[in-house]
Amino acid sequence: MKRERLIVWLFILTVGAAVALVASAKGEELLTFSAIVVLSAVCFAYLKPLQSFALLVVEMLGTGFWLAFQGYMNEWDSSEQAHAILTNLAFMACVICLWLTVSQLVKYGQAYSEMNEELQELRKYEKDASVLTINEFMYRMESIFVAMRRRKEQGYLLKIKINAAGKEFAKKSVFHAFATAALKSVREQYDLVGKVSDYELVVLLQNTNRDGASIVEERFKAYLHQEVNVPESFYETSLLELPDNWSDTQAIVA
């Protein structure tokens, strides 16, 4: 049975048990059971599975002993005892179905989060911009780095940071223009452009010297001013030569 269908059936059973509880319990007793059910739902959602199950067992045993104690102290007759048993059964059915429903919903949410994280890791390009995700950028860069070191070639990293303090909306709205300018400035199918964060880009310039990297930096600024005409105080760029080992290179990108 698919999890979605199971959750629907558990929800229906929970509602049915709740209706039975309302029909059976009266007055303060109904108010007490209702409060326990609501608090249980909150606790089940935040506690670990074993802890929530322990709480479920404690609730069922506690209400059973409480009703038995009430019956003994008040000397209930057979009809009152039968009513108490039915009320307790309705309550137990309600909290059991509620626990199962919440447990399935929590598992469903965790599975969705894990799938979303895996999707983000597998995605190669950022949405709404043709730049690489940071994971894909690092994956490709490592292969290029090894090849460059084997051929004893120079390389540079151009880091671009949008730097408008207190202007979050402006940062997000111009990021696409920054990405476009960076892509136009580099050699297609040769250099790499990646997104480090919502406000930072990194460009790998392979097999070039300082002068060549500076030309790319100036070309980026020219394209950027042509696209959106932003002041230089709005962003900052830095050129860094690739270190000799991969771990230092990773630290620079991060």
C-alpha atoms as a PDB file:
ATOM      1  CA  MET A   1       0.000   0.000   0.000  1.00  0.00           C
ATOM      2  CA  LYS A   2       1.346   3.400  -0.934  1.00  0.00           C
ATOM      3  CA  ARG A   3       2.186   5.687   1.957  1.00  0.00           C
ATOM      4  CA  GLU A   4      -0.209   8.394   0.753  1.00  0.00           C
ATOM      5  CA  ARG A   5      -3.160   5.989   0.802  1.00  0.00           C
ATOM      6  CA  LEU A   6      -2.120   4.655   4.204  1.00  0.00           C
ATOM      7  CA  ILE A   7      -2.043   8.188   5.627  1.00  0.00           C
ATOM      8  CA  VAL A   8      -5.542   8.869   4.271  1.00  0.00           C
ATOM      9  CA  TRP A   9      -6.939   5.698   5.856  1.00  0.00           C
ATOM     10  CA  LEU A  10      -5.233   6.446   9.164  1.00  0.00           C
ATOM     11  CA  PHE A  11      -6.690   9.943   9.117  1.00  0.00           C
ATOM     12  CA  ILE A  12     -10.177   8.528   8.504  1.00  0.00           C
ATOM     13  CA  LEU A  13      -9.742   6.079  11.387  1.00  0.00           C
ATOM     14  CA  THR A  14      -8.502   8.890  13.636  1.00  0.00           C
ATOM     15  CA  VAL A  15     -11.561  10.998  12.834  1.00  0.00           C
ATOM     16  CA  GLY A  16     -13.842   8.011  13.443  1.00  0.00           C
ATOM     17  CA  ALA A  17     -12.211   7.299  16.805  1.00  0.00           C
ATOM     18  CA  ALA A  18     -12.482  10.976  17.750  1.00  0.00           C
ATOM     19  CA  VAL A  19     -16.201  10.966  16.908  1.00  0.00           C
ATOM     20  CA  ALA A  20     -16.671   7.857  19.059  1.00  0.00           C
ATOM     21  CA  LEU A  21     -14.809   9.554  21.916  1.00  0.00           C
ATOM     22  CA  VAL A  22     -17.010  12.657  21.675  1.00  0.00           C
ATOM     23  CA  ALA A  23     -20.127  10.493  21.667  1.00  0.00           C
ATOM     24  CA  SER A  24     -18.961   8.499  24.688  1.00  0.00           C
ATOM     25  CA  ALA A  25     -17.300  11.051  26.983  1.00  0.00           C
ATOM     26  CA  LYS A  26     -19.245  13.871  28.608  1.00  0.00           C
ATOM     27  CA  GLY A  27     -18.512  17.169  30.348  1.00  0.00           C
ATOM     28  CA  GLU A  28     -15.157  17.506  32.099  1.00  0.00           C
ATOM     29  CA  GLU A  29     -14.187  14.006  31.019  1.00  0.00           C
ATOM     30  CA  LEU A  30     -14.518  14.982  27.343  1.00  0.00           C
ATOM     31  CA  LEU A  31     -12.547  18.182  27.926  1.00  0.00           C
ATOM     32  CA  THR A  32      -9.748  16.229  29.624  1.00  0.00           C
ATOM     33  CA  PHE A  33      -9.513  13.615  26.876  1.00  0.00           C
ATOM     34  CA  SER A  34      -9.617  16.304  24.163  1.00  0.00           C
ATOM     35  CA  ALA A  35      -6.756  18.208  25.795  1.00  0.00           C
ATOM     36  CA  ILE A  36      -4.694  15.013  26.029  1.00  0.00           C
ATOM     37  CA  VAL A  37      -5.312  14.225  22.347  1.00  0.00           C
ATOM     38  CA  VAL A  38      -4.276  17.720  21.210  1.00  0.00           C
ATOM     39  CA  LEU A  39      -1.129  17.750  23.363  1.00  0.00           C
ATOM     40  CA  SER A  40      -0.302  14.240  22.181  1.00  0.00           C
ATOM     41  CA  ALA A  41      -0.443  15.320  18.535  1.00  0.00           C
ATOM     42  CA  VAL A  42       2.056  18.113  19.229  1.00  0.00           C
ATOM     43  CA  CYS A  43       4.379  15.817  21.189  1.00  0.00           C
ATOM     44  CA  PHE A  44       4.222  13.044  18.568  1.00  0.00           C
ATOM     45  CA  ALA A  45       5.309  15.533  15.901  1.00  0.00           C
ATOM     46  CA  TYR A  46       8.452  16.649  17.750  1.00  0.00           C
ATOM     47  CA  LEU A  47       9.552  13.618  19.760  1.00  0.00           C
ATOM     48  CA  LYS A  48      11.734  10.831  18.419  1.00  0.00           C
ATOM     49  CA  PRO A  49       9.854   7.656  17.357  1.00  0.00           C
ATOM     50  CA  LEU A  50      10.789   5.663  20.469  1.00  0.00           C
ATOM     51  CA  GLN A  51       9.951   8.578  22.754  1.00  0.00           C
ATOM     52  CA  SER A  52       6.573   9.168  21.108  1.00  0.00           C
ATOM     53  CA  PHE A  53       5.755   5.452  21.394  1.00  0.00           C
ATOM     54  CA  ALA A  54       6.676   5.507  25.092  1.00  0.00           C
ATOM     55  CA  LEU A  55       4.370   8.503  25.568  1.00  0.00           C
ATOM     56  CA  LEU A  56       1.574   6.605  23.806  1.00  0.00           C
ATOM     57  CA  VAL A  57       1.960   3.626  26.156  1.00  0.00           C
ATOM     58  CA  VAL A  58       2.040   5.884  29.231  1.00  0.00           C
ATOM     59  CA  GLU A  59      -1.144   7.647  28.106  1.00  0.00           C
ATOM     60  CA  MET A  60      -3.049   4.408  27.537  1.00  0.00           C
ATOM     61  CA  LEU A  61      -1.950   2.892  30.852  1.00  0.00           C
ATOM     62  CA  GLY A  62      -2.515   6.156  32.698  1.00  0.00           C
ATOM     63  CA  THR A  63      -6.080   6.661  31.482  1.00  0.00           C
ATOM     64  CA  GLY A  64      -6.886   3.008  32.156  1.00  0.00           C
ATOM     65  CA  PHE A  65      -5.661   3.199  35.756  1.00  0.00           C
ATOM     66  CA  TRP A  66      -7.356   6.572  36.235  1.00  0.00           C
ATOM     67  CA  LEU A  67     -10.752   5.251  35.120  1.00  0.00           C
ATOM     68  CA  ALA A  68     -10.304   2.115  37.242  1.00  0.00           C
ATOM     69  CA  PHE A  69      -9.478   4.279  40.254  1.00  0.00           C
ATOM     70  CA  GLN A  70     -12.520   6.477  39.614  1.00  0.00           C
ATOM     71  CA  GLY A  71     -14.737   3.414  39.372  1.00  0.00           C
ATOM     72  CA  TYR A  72     -13.402   1.986  42.626  1.00  0.00           C
ATOM     73  CA  MET A  73     -13.708   5.254  44.548  1.00  0.00           C
ATOM     74  CA  ASN A  74     -17.200   6.080  43.238  1.00  0.00           C
ATOM     75  CA  GLU A  75     -18.453   2.483  43.327  1.00  0.00           C
ATOM     76  CA  TRP A  76     -19.689   2.482  39.743  1.00  0.00           C
ATOM     77  CA  ASP A  77     -22.360  -0.017  38.787  1.00  0.00           C
ATOM     78  CA  SER A  78     -22.173  -2.281  35.724  1.00  0.00           C
ATOM     79  CA  SER A  79     -23.568   0.285  33.280  1.00  0.00           C
ATOM     80  CA  GLU A  80     -21.137   2.971  34.458  1.00  0.00           C
ATOM     81  CA  GLN A  81     -18.231   0.546  34.217  1.00  0.00           C
ATOM     82  CA  ALA A  82     -19.267  -0.421  30.681  1.00  0.00           C
ATOM     83  CA  HIS A  83     -19.487   3.260  29.746  1.00  0.00           C
ATOM     84  CA  ALA A  84     -15.986   3.882  31.166  1.00  0.00           C
ATOM     85  CA  ILE A  85     -14.581   0.906  29.242  1.00  0.00           C
ATOM     86  CA  LEU A  86     -16.106   2.137  25.970  1.00  0.00           C
ATOM     87  CA  THR A  87     -14.791   5.650  26.608  1.00  0.00           C
ATOM     88  CA  ASN A  88     -11.303   4.326  27.307  1.00  0.00           C
ATOM     89  CA  LEU A  89     -11.374   2.133  24.184  1.00  0.00           C
ATOM     90  CA  ALA A  90     -12.427   5.129  22.075  1.00  0.00           C
ATOM     91  CA  PHE A  91      -9.624   7.222  23.580  1.00  0.00           C
ATOM     92  CA  MET A  92      -7.044   4.474  23.021  1.00  0.00           C
ATOM     93  CA  ALA A  93      -8.161   4.026  19.408  1.00  0.00           C
ATOM     94  CA  CYS A  94      -7.949   7.783  18.890  1.00  0.00           C
ATOM     95  CA  VAL A  95      -4.408   8.221  20.235  1.00  0.00           C
ATOM     96  CA  ILE A  96      -3.134   5.051  18.509  1.00  0.00           C
ATOM     97  CA  CYS A  97      -4.475   6.188  15.124  1.00  0.00           C
ATOM     98  CA  LEU A  98      -3.164   9.685  15.801  1.00  0.00           C
ATOM     99  CA  TRP A  99       0.298   8.332  16.646  1.00  0.00           C
ATOM    100  CA  LEU A 100       0.368   6.209  13.485  1.00  0.00           C
ATOM    101  CA  THR A 101      -0.808   9.141  11.343  1.00  0.00           C
ATOM    102  CA  VAL A 102       1.743  11.592  12.743  1.00  0.00           C
ATOM    103  CA  SER A 103       4.524   8.989  12.465  1.00  0.00           C
ATOM    104  CA  GLN A 104       3.747   8.432   8.795  1.00  0.00           C
ATOM    105  CA  LEU A 105       3.571  12.177   8.133  1.00  0.00           C
ATOM    106  CA  VAL A 106       6.944  12.711   9.835  1.00  0.00           C
ATOM    107  CA  LYS A 107       8.506   9.895   7.781  1.00  0.00           C
ATOM    108  CA  TYR A 108       6.967  11.330   4.625  1.00  0.00           C
ATOM    109  CA  GLY A 109       8.401  14.761   5.419  1.00  0.00           C
ATOM    110  CA  GLN A 110      11.848  13.331   6.137  1.00  0.00           C
ATOM    111  CA  ALA A 111      11.819  11.347   2.890  1.00  0.00           C
ATOM    112  CA  TYR A 112      10.804  14.472   0.970  1.00  0.00           C
ATOM    113  CA  SER A 113      13.612  16.503   2.558  1.00  0.00           C
ATOM    114  CA  GLU A 114      16.182  13.812   1.761  1.00  0.00           C
ATOM    115  CA  MET A 115      14.998  13.562  -1.844  1.00  0.00           C
ATOM    116  CA  ASN A 116      15.124  17.344  -2.198  1.00  0.00           C
ATOM    117  CA  GLU A 117      18.688  17.446  -0.837  1.00  0.00           C
ATOM    118  CA  GLU A 118      19.756  14.678  -3.223  1.00  0.00           C
ATOM    119  CA  LEU A 119      18.132  16.550  -6.101  1.00  0.00           C
ATOM    120  CA  GLN A 120      20.033  19.711  -5.192  1.00  0.00           C
ATOM    121  CA  GLU A 121      23.297  17.752  -5.162  1.00  0.00           C
ATOM    122  CA  LEU A 122      22.580  16.142  -8.533  1.00  0.00           C
ATOM    123  CA  ARG A 123      21.457  19.353 -10.200  1.00  0.00           C
ATOM    124  CA  LYS A 124      24.224  20.752 -12.392  1.00  0.00           C
ATOM    125  CA  TYR A 125      22.944  24.230 -13.208  1.00  0.00           C
ATOM    126  CA  GLU A 126      21.302  26.855 -11.053  1.00  0.00           C
ATOM    127  CA  LYS A 127      17.672  27.634 -11.788  1.00  0.00           C
ATOM    128  CA  ASP A 128      17.115  30.886 -13.739  1.00  0.00           C
ATOM    129  CA  ALA A 129      20.863  31.203 -14.444  1.00  0.00           C
ATOM    130  CA  SER A 130      23.141  29.057 -16.596  1.00  0.00           C
ATOM    131  CA  VAL A 131      25.917  28.929 -14.012  1.00  0.00           C
ATOM    132  CA  LEU A 132      26.993  25.700 -12.349  1.00  0.00           C
ATOM    133  CA  THR A 133      25.882  24.720  -8.878  1.00  0.00           C
ATOM    134  CA  ILE A 134      28.720  24.739  -6.368  1.00  0.00           C
ATOM    135  CA  ASN A 135      28.780  20.925  -6.212  1.00  0.00           C
ATOM    136  CA  GLU A 136      29.027  20.573  -9.985  1.00  0.00           C
ATOM    137  CA  PHE A 137      31.584  23.398 -10.141  1.00  0.00           C
ATOM    138  CA  MET A 138      33.842  21.679  -7.592  1.00  0.00           C
ATOM    139  CA  TYR A 139      33.414  18.304  -9.316  1.00  0.00           C
ATOM    140  CA  ARG A 140      34.507  19.658 -12.701  1.00  0.00           C
ATOM    141  CA  MET A 141      37.159  21.904 -11.225  1.00  0.00           C
ATOM    142  CA  GLU A 142      38.911  19.012  -9.483  1.00  0.00           C
ATOM    143  CA  SER A 143      39.428  17.185 -12.789  1.00  0.00           C
ATOM    144  CA  ILE A 144      40.660  20.360 -14.462  1.00  0.00           C
ATOM    145  CA  PHE A 145      42.944  21.144 -11.511  1.00  0.00           C
ATOM    146  CA  VAL A 146      44.630  17.726 -11.698  1.00  0.00           C
ATOM    147  CA  ALA A 147      45.130  18.077 -15.463  1.00  0.00           C
ATOM    148  CA  MET A 148      46.541  21.601 -15.093  1.00  0.00           C
ATOM    149  CA  ARG A 149      49.016  20.519 -12.449  1.00  0.00           C
ATOM    150  CA  ARG A 150      50.097  17.602 -14.617  1.00  0.00           C
ATOM    151  CA  ARG A 151      50.724  19.983 -17.541  1.00  0.00           C
ATOM    152  CA  LYS A 152      52.232  22.598 -15.182  1.00  0.00           C
ATOM    153  CA  GLU A 153      49.782  25.283 -16.289  1.00  0.00           C
ATOM    154  CA  GLN A 154      48.774  28.421 -14.439  1.00  0.00           C
ATOM    155  CA  GLY A 155      45.209  29.155 -13.441  1.00  0.00           C
ATOM    156  CA  TYR A 156      43.249  31.824 -11.587  1.00  0.00           C
ATOM    157  CA  LEU A 157      40.033  32.144  -9.650  1.00  0.00           C
ATOM    158  CA  LEU A 158      37.932  35.260 -10.118  1.00  0.00           C
ATOM    159  CA  LYS A 159      35.643  35.761  -7.123  1.00  0.00           C
ATOM    160  CA  ILE A 160      32.681  38.104  -7.533  1.00  0.00           C
ATOM    161  CA  LYS A 161      30.663  39.266  -4.540  1.00  0.00           C
ATOM    162  CA  ILE A 162      27.571  41.465  -4.567  1.00  0.00           C
ATOM    163  CA  ASN A 163      28.183  43.853  -1.721  1.00  0.00           C
ATOM    164  CA  ALA A 164      25.129  46.026  -1.059  1.00  0.00           C
ATOM    165  CA  ALA A 165      24.556  46.082   2.686  1.00  0.00           C
ATOM    166  CA  GLY A 166      20.884  46.204   3.645  1.00  0.00           C
ATOM    167  CA  LYS A 167      19.670  45.857   0.044  1.00  0.00           C
ATOM    168  CA  GLU A 168      18.676  42.192  -0.078  1.00  0.00           C
ATOM    169  CA  PHE A 169      16.046  42.731  -2.769  1.00  0.00           C
ATOM    170  CA  ALA A 170      18.551  44.528  -4.983  1.00  0.00           C
ATOM    171  CA  LYS A 171      21.069  41.705  -4.571  1.00  0.00           C
ATOM    172  CA  LYS A 172      18.600  39.057  -5.682  1.00  0.00           C
ATOM    173  CA  SER A 173      17.239  41.072  -8.596  1.00  0.00           C
ATOM    174  CA  VAL A 174      20.656  41.727 -10.176  1.00  0.00           C
ATOM    175  CA  PHE A 175      22.204  38.302  -9.589  1.00  0.00           C
ATOM    176  CA  HIS A 176      21.053  37.073 -12.998  1.00  0.00           C
ATOM    177  CA  ALA A 177      22.765  40.059 -14.642  1.00  0.00           C
ATOM    178  CA  PHE A 178      25.987  39.258 -12.769  1.00  0.00           C
ATOM    179  CA  ALA A 179      25.811  35.624 -13.889  1.00  0.00           C
ATOM    180  CA  THR A 180      25.186  36.639 -17.509  1.00  0.00           C
ATOM    181  CA  ALA A 181      28.100  39.076 -17.478  1.00  0.00           C
ATOM    182  CA  ALA A 182      30.402  36.416 -16.011  1.00  0.00           C
ATOM    183  CA  LEU A 183      29.396  33.862 -18.667  1.00  0.00           C
ATOM    184  CA  LYS A 184      29.963  36.371 -21.477  1.00  0.00           C
ATOM    185  CA  SER A 185      33.401  37.250 -20.120  1.00  0.00           C
ATOM    186  CA  VAL A 186      34.931  33.757 -20.169  1.00  0.00           C
ATOM    187  CA  ARG A 187      35.860  31.234 -22.835  1.00  0.00           C
ATOM    188  CA  GLU A 188      32.825  29.054 -23.505  1.00  0.00           C
ATOM    189  CA  GLN A 189      33.280  25.307 -22.898  1.00  0.00           C
ATOM    190  CA  TYR A 190      36.671  26.036 -21.330  1.00  0.00           C
ATOM    191  CA  ASP A 191      36.385  28.216 -18.220  1.00  0.00           C
ATOM    192  CA  LEU A 192      33.855  27.516 -15.458  1.00  0.00           C
ATOM    193  CA  VAL A 193      31.369  29.804 -13.695  1.00  0.00           C
ATOM    194  CA  GLY A 194      29.779  28.611 -10.450  1.00  0.00           C
ATOM    195  CA  LYS A 195      27.402  29.942  -7.824  1.00  0.00           C
ATOM    196  CA  VAL A 196      28.860  29.942  -4.312  1.00  0.00           C
ATOM    197  CA  SER A 197      25.851  31.607  -2.666  1.00  0.00           C
ATOM    198  CA  ASP A 198      22.931  33.858  -3.564  1.00  0.00           C
ATOM    199  CA  TYR A 199      25.342  36.806  -3.640  1.00  0.00           C
ATOM    200  CA  GLU A 200      28.638  35.312  -4.776  1.00  0.00           C
ATOM    201  CA  LEU A 201      30.042  33.819  -7.991  1.00  0.00           C
ATOM    202  CA  VAL A 202      33.361  32.129  -8.678  1.00  0.00           C
ATOM    203  CA  VAL A 203      35.069  31.772 -12.064  1.00  0.00           C
ATOM    204  CA  LEU A 204      37.820  29.280 -12.890  1.00  0.00           C
ATOM    205  CA  LEU A 205      40.216  30.605 -15.524  1.00  0.00           C
ATOM    206  CA  GLN A 206      42.452  27.782 -16.655  1.00  0.00           C
ATOM    207  CA  ASN A 207      45.732  27.924 -18.552  1.00  0.00           C
ATOM    208  CA  THR A 208      46.177  31.688 -18.269  1.00  0.00           C
ATOM    209  CA  ASN A 209      48.516  34.158 -16.584  1.00  0.00           C
ATOM    210  CA  ARG A 210      47.824  37.220 -14.461  1.00  0.00           C
ATOM    211  CA  ASP A 211      47.429  39.499 -17.470  1.00  0.00           C
ATOM    212  CA  GLY A 212      44.912  37.170 -19.105  1.00  0.00           C
ATOM    213  CA  ALA A 213      42.930  36.871 -15.878  1.00  0.00           C
ATOM    214  CA  SER A 214      42.897  40.667 -15.504  1.00  0.00           C
ATOM    215  CA  ILE A 215      41.500  40.999 -19.031  1.00  0.00           C
ATOM    216  CA  VAL A 216      38.615  38.698 -18.083  1.00  0.00           C
ATOM    217  CA  GLU A 217      37.999  40.728 -14.919  1.00  0.00           C
ATOM    218  CA  GLU A 218      37.830  43.993 -16.872  1.00  0.00           C
ATOM    219  CA  ARG A 219      35.637  42.373 -19.531  1.00  0.00           C
ATOM    220  CA  PHE A 220      33.234  41.256 -16.801  1.00  0.00           C
ATOM    221  CA  LYS A 221      32.989  44.791 -15.425  1.00  0.00           C
ATOM    222  CA  ALA A 222      32.356  46.184 -18.902  1.00  0.00           C
ATOM    223  CA  TYR A 223      29.585  43.667 -19.641  1.00  0.00           C
ATOM    224  CA  LEU A 224      28.046  44.258 -16.216  1.00  0.00           C
ATOM    225  CA  HIS A 225      27.917  48.014 -16.643  1.00  0.00           C
ATOM    226  CA  GLN A 226      26.467  47.522 -20.100  1.00  0.00           C
ATOM    227  CA  GLU A 227      23.710  45.229 -18.765  1.00  0.00           C
ATOM    228  CA  VAL A 228      22.598  46.978 -15.558  1.00  0.00           C
ATOM    229  CA  ASN A 229      24.938  49.936 -15.090  1.00  0.00           C
ATOM    230  CA  VAL A 230      25.616  49.231 -11.408  1.00  0.00           C
ATOM    231  CA  PRO A 231      28.235  51.247  -9.509  1.00  0.00           C
ATOM    232  CA  GLU A 232      31.471  49.497  -8.573  1.00  0.00           C
ATOM    233  CA  SER A 233      30.663  50.060  -4.903  1.00  0.00           C
ATOM    234  CA  PHE A 234      27.785  47.583  -5.352  1.00  0.00           C
ATOM    235  CA  TYR A 235      30.171  44.646  -5.797  1.00  0.00           C
ATOM    236  CA  GLU A 236      33.777  43.581  -5.435  1.00  0.00           C
ATOM    237  CA  THR A 237      36.042  41.261  -7.405  1.00  0.00           C
ATOM    238  CA  SER A 238      39.285  39.516  -6.519  1.00  0.00           C
ATOM    239  CA  LEU A 239      41.783  37.508  -8.564  1.00  0.00           C
ATOM    240  CA  LEU A 240      43.540  34.612  -6.846  1.00  0.00           C
ATOM    241  CA  GLU A 241      46.149  32.339  -8.354  1.00  0.00           C
ATOM    242  CA  LEU A 242      45.393  28.648  -7.963  1.00  0.00           C
ATOM    243  CA  PRO A 243      47.420  27.062  -5.131  1.00  0.00           C
ATOM    244  CA  ASP A 244      49.600  24.023  -5.727  1.00  0.00           C
ATOM    245  CA  ASN A 245      47.368  21.594  -3.800  1.00  0.00           C
ATOM    246  CA  TRP A 246      43.672  20.813  -4.044  1.00  0.00           C
ATOM    247  CA  SER A 247      42.771  21.283  -0.371  1.00  0.00           C
ATOM    248  CA  ASP A 248      43.957  24.915  -0.416  1.00  0.00           C
ATOM    249  CA  THR A 249      42.003  25.481  -3.626  1.00  0.00           C
ATOM    250  CA  GLN A 250      38.832  24.144  -1.996  1.00  0.00           C
ATOM    251  CA  ALA A 251      39.346  26.493   0.948  1.00  0.00           C
ATOM    252  CA  ILE A 252      39.625  29.494  -1.386  1.00  0.00           C
ATOM    253  CA  VAL A 253      36.385  28.668  -3.198  1.00  0.00           C
ATOM    254  CA  ALA A 254      34.455  28.137   0.036  1.00  0.00           C
END
